[in-house]
Amino acid sequence: MRDIFSRFEKEKEIYFVTKHSKIDKRGKFSLILSPEFYWIKKESLPVKRVYEAKKLAPSVFDGFLPDGDYSYLVYKDGEEFVLIAYDKEKILEDLLEVVEDLDDVEEIRFAQTEFEKRDECVNVDDKSSLVWIEDIAVFIPRICAEGGISIEDLLKDVKLSKYKIRVSQKDLLDTKTLILYAIPFVILSASFLIEYAVYKKAIKEMESKKESIIVKYHLPRTSIQLNSIKTSLLSTYKKQKKIRDFIDFISELRIEKNEFLKSISVTDKEASLSIKLSSSSRKEKIKRYISKKYKIMKESMQGDILNLEIRV
């Protein structure tokens, strides 16, 4: 095995994995995914309950996510909500490169929910680390600048949360579904009628809340005004998404020993990078990688530091 770390929890083996990990072991185990596999936001929302915040999750991530079929995990942290967006199908596709057989994966967990936020940096391997920025777990393609703890030590103390993705077909059927199929047909039909009444009532309440929000926050009532606001927000989202996509792309850059990203500056139009190289031959390899997706506008060398200006 390489680039993975494990422990046992009540006879269940648990691995922390990145997109570059490789597990060659067979048998049932659980995975804790690095933040490379999903998207995280921490927001103050105009609701109080988690289920209400979960309904708003698609709007919170609107314009930030690549194309995909997303599910959302939401939990409360103080007065704010932590929202995780993940594409289960894409995660399973990525894990095909990590594990020998997906049937061995019993459940999938998130580093954001399983590891307690901490001030010190966590070394994942000799090329990457895990840090917490404003309570959000972030995976970065370089080792901790000073000291830090190892992912092995962090994994030893992990206390598993209730948040997980089931992988096996049996586990995909949650308890509620199994109970539902066990109920006689007559009771099932009655439950549908009750749900219809509940949903009808909920729709009326939502319309009432919509009117209250318009009044409370002094929002315009006409569709033209609302569409104008929407257009402005979408423009902001698209700009921020371009920045996030660039950072994600750069985070996939393979960093060799004694190399590190010295500085980075990004807008929605251009970016500047300074990378300390381990050897002069690395310059062309890094340029080829970046040129796969972005255009390099200017380059220069200062000793062993490669400076690049890139069109985003």
Protein backbone atom coordinates (compact mmCIF):
# COMPACT_ATOMS: atom_id res chain seq x y z
CA MET A 1 0.00 0.00 0.00
CA ARG A 2 1.15 3.56 -0.56
CA ASP A 3 -0.09 7.01 0.40
CA ILE A 4 -2.74 5.51 2.71
CA PHE A 5 -3.08 5.23 6.44
CA SER A 6 -5.32 2.92 8.44
CA ARG A 7 -6.58 1.88 11.84
CA PHE A 8 -9.17 -0.48 13.28
CA GLU A 9 -12.47 0.62 14.84
CA LYS A 10 -14.31 -2.26 16.55
CA GLU A 11 -12.76 -4.78 14.09
CA LYS A 12 -13.45 -2.46 11.15
CA GLU A 13 -10.40 -1.25 9.24
CA ILE A 14 -10.42 2.43 8.27
CA TYR A 15 -8.26 4.09 5.63
CA PHE A 16 -7.62 7.75 4.92
CA VAL A 17 -7.21 8.16 1.17
CA THR A 18 -6.35 10.80 -1.41
CA LYS A 19 -6.92 10.55 -5.17
CA HIS A 20 -3.37 9.23 -5.47
CA SER A 21 -3.69 6.52 -2.81
CA LYS A 22 -3.61 2.82 -3.61
CA ILE A 23 -5.11 0.04 -1.46
CA ASP A 24 -4.17 -3.48 -2.54
CA LYS A 25 -5.82 -5.20 0.42
CA ARG A 26 -9.02 -7.25 0.06
CA GLY A 27 -11.83 -7.55 2.62
CA LYS A 28 -14.34 -5.12 4.05
CA PHE A 29 -13.11 -1.69 5.14
CA SER A 30 -14.18 1.95 5.43
CA LEU A 31 -12.66 5.01 3.78
CA ILE A 32 -12.20 8.58 5.00
CA LEU A 33 -11.86 10.80 1.94
CA SER A 34 -9.57 13.79 1.66
CA PRO A 35 -11.33 17.06 0.65
CA GLU A 36 -10.22 16.48 -2.97
CA PHE A 37 -13.32 14.33 -3.45
CA TYR A 38 -16.02 16.85 -2.43
CA TRP A 39 -16.89 20.53 -1.90
CA ILE A 40 -17.41 22.26 1.45
CA LYS A 41 -18.97 25.54 2.52
CA LYS A 42 -19.71 27.06 5.92
CA GLU A 43 -22.56 29.55 5.81
CA SER A 44 -24.98 31.54 7.92
CA LEU A 45 -28.45 30.78 6.54
CA PRO A 46 -31.89 32.31 7.28
CA VAL A 47 -33.11 29.00 8.78
CA LYS A 48 -32.67 27.23 12.11
CA ARG A 49 -32.93 23.52 11.37
CA VAL A 50 -30.62 21.20 9.45
CA TYR A 51 -33.38 19.83 7.20
CA GLU A 52 -34.29 23.39 6.23
CA ALA A 53 -30.65 24.21 5.47
CA LYS A 54 -30.36 21.06 3.36
CA LYS A 55 -33.16 22.33 1.11
CA LEU A 56 -31.10 25.48 0.51
CA ALA A 57 -27.86 23.58 -0.20
CA PRO A 58 -28.28 23.47 -4.02
CA SER A 59 -28.68 27.26 -4.03
CA VAL A 60 -25.66 27.75 -1.78
CA PHE A 61 -23.47 25.80 -4.24
CA ASP A 62 -25.17 27.16 -7.37
CA GLY A 63 -22.50 28.15 -9.90
CA PHE A 64 -19.63 26.62 -7.92
CA LEU A 65 -19.84 22.93 -8.85
CA PRO A 66 -18.73 21.08 -11.99
CA ASP A 67 -21.46 19.22 -13.85
CA GLY A 68 -22.66 16.18 -11.91
CA ASP A 69 -25.42 14.58 -9.88
CA TYR A 70 -24.89 16.03 -6.41
CA SER A 71 -26.10 15.00 -2.99
CA TYR A 72 -25.71 17.17 0.09
CA LEU A 73 -24.70 16.52 3.69
CA VAL A 74 -25.50 19.31 6.13
CA TYR A 75 -24.81 19.73 9.83
CA LYS A 76 -24.79 22.62 12.25
CA ASP A 77 -21.61 24.12 13.72
CA GLY A 78 -22.50 26.77 16.29
CA GLU A 79 -24.78 29.30 14.63
CA GLU A 80 -23.62 28.34 11.13
CA PHE A 81 -24.19 25.37 8.85
CA VAL A 82 -21.50 23.22 7.24
CA LEU A 83 -22.61 22.00 3.82
CA ILE A 84 -20.86 19.24 1.86
CA ALA A 85 -21.68 18.65 -1.81
CA TYR A 86 -20.61 15.33 -3.31
CA ASP A 87 -21.20 13.41 -6.53
CA LYS A 88 -21.39 9.80 -5.39
CA GLU A 89 -20.99 8.38 -8.89
CA LYS A 90 -17.86 10.49 -9.49
CA ILE A 91 -16.42 9.49 -6.09
CA LEU A 92 -16.90 5.80 -6.92
CA GLU A 93 -15.25 6.34 -10.32
CA ASP A 94 -12.25 7.96 -8.62
CA LEU A 95 -12.08 5.16 -6.06
CA LEU A 96 -11.72 2.59 -8.86
CA GLU A 97 -8.15 3.90 -9.12
CA VAL A 98 -7.65 3.58 -5.35
CA VAL A 99 -9.07 0.16 -4.39
CA GLU A 100 -8.89 -3.27 -5.98
CA ASP A 101 -12.65 -3.83 -5.80
CA LEU A 102 -15.42 -1.40 -4.80
CA ASP A 103 -17.29 -4.32 -3.22
CA ASP A 104 -14.68 -4.20 -0.44
CA VAL A 105 -15.69 -0.64 0.50
CA GLU A 106 -18.33 -0.84 3.20
CA GLU A 107 -18.82 2.88 3.78
CA ILE A 108 -17.35 6.22 2.79
CA ARG A 109 -16.74 9.10 5.19
CA PHE A 110 -15.47 12.68 4.94
CA ALA A 111 -12.36 14.14 6.56
CA GLN A 112 -14.47 17.21 7.32
CA THR A 113 -16.84 15.23 9.55
CA GLU A 114 -14.46 12.64 11.01
CA PHE A 115 -11.49 14.78 12.06
CA GLU A 116 -11.86 17.51 14.67
CA LYS A 117 -10.73 20.92 13.46
CA ARG A 118 -7.26 21.77 14.71
CA ASP A 119 -4.70 24.58 14.49
CA GLU A 120 -1.69 22.51 13.50
CA CYS A 121 -0.99 21.25 10.00
CA VAL A 122 -1.31 17.49 9.30
CA ASN A 123 1.25 15.80 7.05
CA VAL A 124 -0.51 13.31 4.76
CA ASP A 125 2.61 12.13 2.90
CA ASP A 126 5.86 13.62 1.61
CA LYS A 127 4.00 15.74 -0.95
CA SER A 128 0.74 16.89 0.67
CA SER A 129 -0.94 17.94 3.89
CA LEU A 130 -4.28 18.69 5.51
CA VAL A 131 -5.04 22.04 7.14
CA TRP A 132 -8.09 23.77 8.57
CA ILE A 133 -8.95 27.22 7.17
CA GLU A 134 -11.89 28.94 8.88
CA ASP A 135 -12.98 25.52 10.24
CA ILE A 136 -12.92 23.92 6.78
CA ALA A 137 -10.61 20.96 6.06
CA VAL A 138 -8.41 21.77 3.04
CA PHE A 139 -6.06 19.42 1.17
CA ILE A 140 -2.92 21.16 -0.15
CA PRO A 141 -0.18 19.75 -2.42
CA ARG A 142 2.76 20.47 -0.14
CA ILE A 143 4.04 19.35 3.25
CA CYS A 144 3.64 21.35 6.44
CA ALA A 145 6.03 24.30 6.60
CA GLU A 146 6.97 23.70 10.23
CA GLY A 147 6.42 20.58 12.26
CA GLY A 148 2.81 19.43 12.19
CA ILE A 149 1.46 16.01 13.09
CA SER A 150 1.16 12.91 10.92
CA ILE A 151 -2.09 11.60 9.47
CA GLU A 152 -1.33 8.30 11.23
CA ASP A 153 -1.53 10.04 14.63
CA LEU A 154 -4.72 11.83 13.63
CA LEU A 155 -6.29 8.57 12.49
CA LYS A 156 -5.45 6.84 15.78
CA ASP A 157 -7.65 9.25 17.73
CA VAL A 158 -10.55 9.49 15.26
CA LYS A 159 -14.03 8.96 16.67
CA LEU A 160 -16.38 8.08 13.85
CA SER A 161 -19.41 10.30 13.34
CA LYS A 162 -22.88 9.36 12.13
CA TYR A 163 -22.18 10.84 8.68
CA LYS A 164 -21.35 8.30 5.98
CA ILE A 165 -22.18 7.08 2.48
CA ARG A 166 -23.17 3.46 2.19
CA VAL A 167 -21.76 1.59 -0.79
CA SER A 168 -23.14 -1.96 -0.76
CA GLN A 169 -26.57 -2.57 -2.27
CA LYS A 170 -27.90 -3.78 1.06
CA ASP A 171 -26.76 -0.66 2.87
CA LEU A 172 -28.11 1.60 0.13
CA LEU A 173 -31.57 0.61 1.32
CA ASP A 174 -31.92 2.62 4.49
CA THR A 175 -33.99 1.58 7.46
CA LYS A 176 -36.97 3.65 6.42
CA THR A 177 -37.11 1.97 3.03
CA LEU A 178 -36.96 -1.53 4.52
CA ILE A 179 -39.77 -0.70 6.94
CA LEU A 180 -41.84 0.77 4.13
CA TYR A 181 -41.71 -2.46 2.10
CA ALA A 182 -42.75 -4.45 5.16
CA ILE A 183 -45.96 -2.47 5.69
CA PRO A 184 -49.16 -4.03 4.27
CA PHE A 185 -50.57 -2.45 1.11
CA VAL A 186 -53.56 -0.85 2.83
CA ILE A 187 -51.40 0.95 5.39
CA LEU A 188 -49.00 1.96 2.62
CA SER A 189 -51.84 3.56 0.66
CA ALA A 190 -53.00 5.40 3.75
CA SER A 191 -49.49 6.74 4.33
CA PHE A 192 -49.45 8.15 0.80
CA LEU A 193 -52.68 10.04 1.52
CA ILE A 194 -51.22 11.42 4.73
CA GLU A 195 -48.02 12.48 2.91
CA TYR A 196 -50.10 14.25 0.28
CA ALA A 197 -51.88 16.25 2.98
CA VAL A 198 -48.56 17.09 4.66
CA TYR A 199 -46.97 18.22 1.40
CA LYS A 200 -50.00 20.32 0.49
CA LYS A 201 -49.78 22.04 3.86
CA ALA A 202 -46.01 22.49 3.46
CA ILE A 203 -46.47 24.17 0.08
CA LYS A 204 -48.87 26.70 1.60
CA GLU A 205 -46.40 27.36 4.42
CA MET A 206 -43.57 27.84 1.93
CA GLU A 207 -45.60 30.39 -0.01
CA SER A 208 -46.33 32.19 3.24
CA LYS A 209 -42.63 32.14 4.20
CA LYS A 210 -41.70 33.44 0.76
CA GLU A 211 -43.96 36.46 1.26
CA SER A 212 -42.52 37.04 4.76
CA ILE A 213 -38.93 36.91 3.44
CA ILE A 214 -39.76 39.44 0.70
CA VAL A 215 -41.13 41.83 3.30
CA LYS A 216 -38.42 41.18 5.91
CA TYR A 217 -35.46 41.67 3.57
CA HIS A 218 -37.10 44.32 1.38
CA LEU A 219 -36.78 42.22 -1.77
CA PRO A 220 -38.39 43.33 -5.04
CA ARG A 221 -41.62 41.62 -6.02
CA THR A 222 -41.42 41.73 -9.82
CA SER A 223 -39.77 38.93 -11.79
CA ILE A 224 -37.75 41.50 -13.78
CA GLN A 225 -36.15 42.89 -10.64
CA LEU A 226 -35.56 39.42 -9.19
CA ASN A 227 -34.02 38.22 -12.46
CA SER A 228 -31.70 41.23 -12.42
CA ILE A 229 -30.51 40.27 -8.94
CA LYS A 230 -30.15 36.64 -10.06
CA THR A 231 -28.07 37.66 -13.10
CA SER A 232 -25.75 39.71 -10.89
CA LEU A 233 -25.32 36.86 -8.42
CA LEU A 234 -24.72 34.32 -11.19
CA SER A 235 -22.01 36.56 -12.61
CA THR A 236 -20.29 36.60 -9.21
CA TYR A 237 -20.68 32.83 -8.87
CA LYS A 238 -19.11 32.21 -12.30
CA LYS A 239 -16.11 34.38 -11.44
CA GLN A 240 -15.59 32.59 -8.13
CA LYS A 241 -16.02 29.20 -9.83
CA LYS A 242 -13.26 30.04 -12.33
CA ILE A 243 -10.95 30.83 -9.42
CA ARG A 244 -11.90 27.63 -7.58
CA ASP A 245 -11.45 25.50 -10.73
CA PHE A 246 -7.97 26.93 -11.26
CA ILE A 247 -6.95 26.27 -7.65
CA ASP A 248 -8.28 22.70 -7.89
CA PHE A 249 -6.32 22.18 -11.13
CA ILE A 250 -3.09 23.47 -9.60
CA SER A 251 -3.64 21.31 -6.50
CA GLU A 252 -3.43 18.25 -8.78
CA LEU A 253 0.08 19.26 -9.90
CA ARG A 254 2.59 16.59 -8.91
CA ILE A 255 5.17 18.14 -6.58
CA GLU A 256 8.54 16.40 -6.25
CA LYS A 257 10.72 16.28 -3.18
CA ASN A 258 12.26 19.68 -2.29
CA GLU A 259 9.66 21.48 -4.42
CA PHE A 260 6.93 23.75 -3.14
CA LEU A 261 4.51 26.44 -4.23
CA LYS A 262 6.10 29.66 -3.02
CA SER A 263 3.22 32.01 -3.87
CA ILE A 264 -0.07 32.11 -5.78
CA SER A 265 -2.36 34.97 -6.76
CA VAL A 266 -5.62 34.32 -8.63
CA THR A 267 -8.45 36.41 -10.10
CA ASP A 268 -11.17 35.37 -12.52
CA LYS A 269 -8.96 36.57 -15.41
CA GLU A 270 -5.36 35.77 -14.56
CA ALA A 271 -3.10 34.03 -12.07
CA SER A 272 0.51 34.33 -10.95
CA LEU A 273 2.49 31.37 -9.62
CA SER A 274 5.96 31.04 -8.12
CA ILE A 275 7.23 27.49 -7.77
CA LYS A 276 10.56 26.38 -6.29
CA LEU A 277 11.92 23.66 -8.58
CA SER A 278 13.94 20.63 -7.55
CA SER A 279 15.77 20.70 -10.90
CA SER A 280 15.83 22.69 -14.15
CA SER A 281 14.22 19.79 -16.04
CA ARG A 282 11.04 20.23 -14.01
CA LYS A 283 10.30 23.58 -15.67
CA GLU A 284 9.07 22.11 -18.96
CA LYS A 285 7.06 19.35 -17.22
CA ILE A 286 5.19 21.87 -15.09
CA LYS A 287 4.57 24.11 -18.10
CA ARG A 288 3.18 21.17 -20.09
CA TYR A 289 0.81 20.27 -17.28
CA ILE A 290 -0.54 23.83 -16.94
CA SER A 291 -0.82 24.25 -20.72
CA LYS A 292 -3.24 21.31 -20.89
CA LYS A 293 -5.98 23.64 -19.64
CA TYR A 294 -4.63 27.20 -19.40
CA LYS A 295 -2.53 29.55 -21.49
CA ILE A 296 0.81 30.70 -20.06
CA MET A 297 1.20 34.40 -20.87
CA LYS A 298 4.63 35.03 -19.37
CA GLU A 299 7.40 33.09 -17.67
CA SER A 300 10.69 33.83 -15.97
CA MET A 301 13.29 32.15 -13.76
CA GLN A 302 14.90 33.62 -10.65
CA GLY A 303 17.48 31.07 -9.59
CA ASP A 304 15.47 27.89 -8.95
CA ILE A 305 12.14 29.78 -8.74
CA LEU A 306 9.81 29.48 -11.76
CA ASN A 307 7.46 32.46 -12.14
CA LEU A 308 4.40 32.08 -14.36
CA GLU A 309 1.59 34.42 -15.42
CA ILE A 310 -1.43 32.49 -16.64
CA ARG A 311 -4.72 33.39 -18.28
CA VAL A 312 -7.55 31.86 -16.23
